[in-house]
């Protein structure tokens, strides 16, 4: 299943890079592809082909994720996409 999402946070691009580094190996275990980019300071976007939704959702409940979200007042939004062509 394909997902797209955004994270809005009160931090820098470097802070977001640290979050990605923290979860990079875990993301590889539940996706066949994962790309993310900075939209601007305080906002990033991702697109992923999720192969194990349970493991993917668990990353958002991981204590490291919760701590990062609390530290940077982060808000996540995500959508499932379906292939149309």
N, C-alpha and C. Protein backbone atom coordinates (compact mmCIF):
# COMPACT_ATOMS: atom_id res chain seq x y z
N UNK A 1 0.85 -1.17 0.00
CA UNK A 1 0.00 0.00 0.00
C UNK A 1 0.90 1.24 0.00
N UNK A 2 0.55 2.21 -0.81
CA UNK A 2 1.31 3.45 -0.88
C UNK A 2 0.76 4.48 0.09
N UNK A 3 1.67 5.16 0.74
CA UNK A 3 1.32 6.20 1.71
C UNK A 3 2.05 7.48 1.33
N UNK A 4 1.44 8.60 1.67
CA UNK A 4 2.10 9.90 1.62
C UNK A 4 1.76 10.59 2.93
N UNK A 5 2.70 11.35 3.44
CA UNK A 5 2.44 12.01 4.71
C UNK A 5 3.31 13.24 4.90
N UNK A 6 2.92 14.05 5.86
CA UNK A 6 3.69 15.23 6.23
C UNK A 6 3.90 15.23 7.74
N UNK A 7 4.98 15.85 8.13
CA UNK A 7 5.24 16.12 9.54
C UNK A 7 5.55 17.60 9.67
N UNK A 8 4.81 18.27 10.52
CA UNK A 8 5.05 19.67 10.84
C UNK A 8 5.64 19.71 12.24
N UNK A 9 6.71 20.44 12.43
CA UNK A 9 7.42 20.42 13.71
C UNK A 9 8.12 21.76 13.95
N UNK A 10 8.46 22.01 15.19
CA UNK A 10 9.16 23.24 15.57
C UNK A 10 10.64 22.91 15.73
N UNK A 11 11.32 22.82 14.60
CA UNK A 11 12.74 22.47 14.62
C UNK A 11 13.37 22.79 13.28
N UNK A 12 14.59 22.31 13.12
CA UNK A 12 15.36 22.58 11.91
C UNK A 12 15.40 21.35 11.01
N UNK A 13 15.92 21.54 9.81
CA UNK A 13 16.11 20.40 8.91
C UNK A 13 17.05 19.38 9.52
N UNK A 14 18.04 19.86 10.26
CA UNK A 14 18.98 18.95 10.93
C UNK A 14 18.24 18.07 11.95
N UNK A 15 17.28 18.64 12.67
CA UNK A 15 16.49 17.86 13.62
C UNK A 15 15.73 16.76 12.89
N UNK A 16 15.15 17.08 11.74
CA UNK A 16 14.41 16.08 10.96
C UNK A 16 15.36 15.01 10.42
N UNK A 17 16.55 15.42 10.00
CA UNK A 17 17.54 14.44 9.53
C UNK A 17 17.88 13.44 10.63
N UNK A 18 17.97 13.92 11.86
CA UNK A 18 18.27 13.04 12.99
C UNK A 18 17.13 12.04 13.21
N UNK A 19 15.89 12.49 13.05
CA UNK A 19 14.74 11.59 13.18
C UNK A 19 14.81 10.50 12.12
N UNK A 20 15.06 10.88 10.87
CA UNK A 20 15.16 9.90 9.80
C UNK A 20 16.28 8.90 10.08
N UNK A 21 17.43 9.38 10.51
CA UNK A 21 18.56 8.49 10.82
C UNK A 21 18.19 7.50 11.91
N UNK A 22 17.40 7.94 12.87
CA UNK A 22 16.99 7.09 13.98
C UNK A 22 16.14 5.91 13.49
N UNK A 23 15.32 6.12 12.45
CA UNK A 23 14.36 5.11 12.01
C UNK A 23 14.68 4.50 10.64
N UNK A 24 15.77 4.88 10.03
CA UNK A 24 16.10 4.43 8.68
C UNK A 24 16.08 2.90 8.55
N UNK A 25 16.73 2.20 9.45
CA UNK A 25 16.78 0.74 9.38
C UNK A 25 15.42 0.11 9.63
N UNK A 26 14.65 0.68 10.55
CA UNK A 26 13.30 0.17 10.83
C UNK A 26 12.38 0.37 9.63
N UNK A 27 12.51 1.50 8.96
CA UNK A 27 11.68 1.77 7.78
C UNK A 27 11.97 0.76 6.67
N UNK A 28 13.22 0.38 6.53
CA UNK A 28 13.60 -0.59 5.49
C UNK A 28 12.96 -1.95 5.72
N UNK A 29 12.60 -2.26 6.96
CA UNK A 29 12.00 -3.55 7.29
C UNK A 29 10.50 -3.60 7.01
N UNK A 30 9.86 -2.45 6.80
CA UNK A 30 8.41 -2.45 6.59
C UNK A 30 7.99 -1.73 5.31
N UNK A 31 8.96 -1.34 4.48
CA UNK A 31 8.65 -0.68 3.21
C UNK A 31 9.54 -1.27 2.11
N UNK A 32 9.05 -1.22 0.88
CA UNK A 32 9.91 -1.61 -0.25
C UNK A 32 10.56 -0.37 -0.86
N UNK A 33 10.02 0.79 -0.57
CA UNK A 33 10.64 2.06 -0.97
C UNK A 33 10.15 3.14 -0.01
N UNK A 34 11.03 4.07 0.27
CA UNK A 34 10.70 5.17 1.18
C UNK A 34 11.52 6.38 0.76
N UNK A 35 10.84 7.48 0.49
CA UNK A 35 11.50 8.73 0.13
C UNK A 35 10.92 9.83 1.00
N UNK A 36 11.77 10.75 1.40
CA UNK A 36 11.29 11.89 2.17
C UNK A 36 12.08 13.12 1.77
N UNK A 37 11.50 14.28 1.99
CA UNK A 37 12.15 15.53 1.61
C UNK A 37 11.69 16.65 2.53
N UNK A 38 12.55 17.63 2.65
CA UNK A 38 12.20 18.83 3.40
C UNK A 38 11.35 19.73 2.50
N UNK A 39 10.24 20.19 3.00
CA UNK A 39 9.45 21.19 2.29
C UNK A 39 10.02 22.57 2.64
N UNK A 40 10.31 22.75 3.91
CA UNK A 40 10.90 23.97 4.46
C UNK A 40 11.32 23.64 5.89
N UNK A 41 11.94 24.60 6.56
CA UNK A 41 12.23 24.41 7.98
C UNK A 41 10.91 24.12 8.68
N UNK A 42 10.86 23.06 9.44
CA UNK A 42 9.66 22.75 10.21
C UNK A 42 8.61 21.94 9.48
N UNK A 43 8.91 21.47 8.26
CA UNK A 43 7.93 20.65 7.54
C UNK A 43 8.65 19.71 6.59
N UNK A 44 8.25 18.43 6.65
CA UNK A 44 8.80 17.44 5.73
C UNK A 44 7.66 16.60 5.17
N UNK A 45 7.95 15.91 4.07
CA UNK A 45 6.97 15.07 3.40
C UNK A 45 7.62 13.71 3.11
N UNK A 46 6.81 12.66 3.12
CA UNK A 46 7.33 11.34 2.76
C UNK A 46 6.34 10.64 1.84
N UNK A 47 6.87 9.72 1.04
CA UNK A 47 6.06 8.81 0.26
C UNK A 47 6.70 7.44 0.41
N UNK A 48 5.87 6.42 0.59
CA UNK A 48 6.40 5.08 0.86
C UNK A 48 5.48 4.02 0.30
N UNK A 49 6.09 2.92 -0.11
CA UNK A 49 5.33 1.71 -0.41
C UNK A 49 5.48 0.82 0.82
N UNK A 50 4.43 0.75 1.62
CA UNK A 50 4.47 0.03 2.88
C UNK A 50 4.10 -1.43 2.64
N UNK A 51 4.98 -2.32 3.04
CA UNK A 51 4.75 -3.76 2.86
C UNK A 51 4.26 -4.44 4.13
N UNK A 52 4.44 -3.79 5.28
CA UNK A 52 3.97 -4.32 6.56
C UNK A 52 3.38 -3.16 7.36
N UNK A 53 2.06 -2.98 7.21
CA UNK A 53 1.40 -1.84 7.85
C UNK A 53 1.52 -1.88 9.37
N UNK A 54 1.43 -3.05 9.96
CA UNK A 54 1.51 -3.15 11.42
C UNK A 54 2.86 -2.62 11.93
N UNK A 55 3.94 -3.04 11.28
CA UNK A 55 5.27 -2.56 11.68
C UNK A 55 5.41 -1.06 11.41
N UNK A 56 4.84 -0.61 10.28
CA UNK A 56 4.93 0.81 9.94
C UNK A 56 4.21 1.65 10.98
N UNK A 57 2.98 1.29 11.33
CA UNK A 57 2.23 2.04 12.34
C UNK A 57 2.93 2.00 13.69
N UNK A 58 3.58 0.89 14.00
CA UNK A 58 4.28 0.76 15.28
C UNK A 58 5.41 1.78 15.42
N UNK A 59 5.98 2.21 14.30
CA UNK A 59 7.05 3.22 14.37
C UNK A 59 6.54 4.52 14.96
N UNK A 60 5.29 4.86 14.70
CA UNK A 60 4.71 6.09 15.23
C UNK A 60 4.42 5.98 16.73
N UNK A 61 4.32 4.76 17.22
CA UNK A 61 4.08 4.51 18.64
C UNK A 61 5.38 4.24 19.41
N UNK A 62 6.47 4.10 18.68
CA UNK A 62 7.77 3.86 19.30
C UNK A 62 8.10 5.02 20.25
N UNK A 63 8.70 4.72 21.39
CA UNK A 63 8.99 5.76 22.38
C UNK A 63 9.93 6.83 21.83
N UNK A 64 10.88 6.44 20.96
CA UNK A 64 11.78 7.44 20.36
C UNK A 64 10.99 8.44 19.52
N UNK A 65 9.98 7.93 18.80
CA UNK A 65 9.13 8.80 17.98
C UNK A 65 8.30 9.72 18.87
N UNK A 66 7.72 9.16 19.91
CA UNK A 66 6.91 9.97 20.84
C UNK A 66 7.77 11.06 21.49
N UNK A 67 8.98 10.71 21.89
CA UNK A 67 9.87 11.69 22.51
C UNK A 67 10.23 12.81 21.54
N UNK A 68 10.54 12.43 20.28
CA UNK A 68 10.88 13.44 19.27
C UNK A 68 9.68 14.34 19.02
N UNK A 69 8.51 13.75 18.88
CA UNK A 69 7.30 14.54 18.64
C UNK A 69 7.04 15.51 19.78
N UNK A 70 7.23 15.07 21.01
CA UNK A 70 7.01 15.95 22.17
C UNK A 70 8.04 17.07 22.19
N UNK A 71 9.29 16.74 21.93
CA UNK A 71 10.37 17.73 21.96
C UNK A 71 10.17 18.82 20.92
N UNK A 72 9.67 18.44 19.73
CA UNK A 72 9.54 19.40 18.63
C UNK A 72 8.09 19.75 18.31
N UNK A 73 7.18 19.39 19.21
CA UNK A 73 5.75 19.68 19.03
C UNK A 73 5.29 19.26 17.63
N UNK A 74 5.62 18.04 17.26
CA UNK A 74 5.38 17.54 15.90
C UNK A 74 3.96 17.01 15.73
N UNK A 75 3.45 17.21 14.53
CA UNK A 75 2.14 16.70 14.13
C UNK A 75 2.30 15.95 12.82
N UNK A 76 1.85 14.69 12.80
CA UNK A 76 1.93 13.86 11.60
C UNK A 76 0.56 13.75 10.95
N UNK A 77 0.55 13.74 9.63
CA UNK A 77 -0.65 13.44 8.86
C UNK A 77 -0.22 12.47 7.76
N UNK A 78 -1.05 11.46 7.50
CA UNK A 78 -0.70 10.49 6.46
C UNK A 78 -1.95 10.03 5.73
N UNK A 79 -1.77 9.66 4.46
CA UNK A 79 -2.87 9.20 3.62
C UNK A 79 -2.44 7.95 2.88
N UNK A 80 -3.38 7.05 2.67
CA UNK A 80 -3.16 5.89 1.82
C UNK A 80 -3.53 6.29 0.40
N UNK A 81 -2.74 5.83 -0.55
CA UNK A 81 -2.99 6.14 -1.96
C UNK A 81 -3.24 4.84 -2.71
N UNK A 82 -4.08 4.91 -3.71
CA UNK A 82 -4.28 3.73 -4.54
C UNK A 82 -3.83 4.04 -5.95
N UNK A 83 -3.23 3.06 -6.59
CA UNK A 83 -2.73 3.22 -7.95
C UNK A 83 -3.91 3.35 -8.91
N UNK A 84 -3.84 4.32 -9.80
CA UNK A 84 -4.94 4.53 -10.75
C UNK A 84 -4.51 4.27 -12.20
N UNK A 85 -3.24 4.10 -12.47
CA UNK A 85 -2.77 3.80 -13.83
C UNK A 85 -1.72 2.73 -13.79
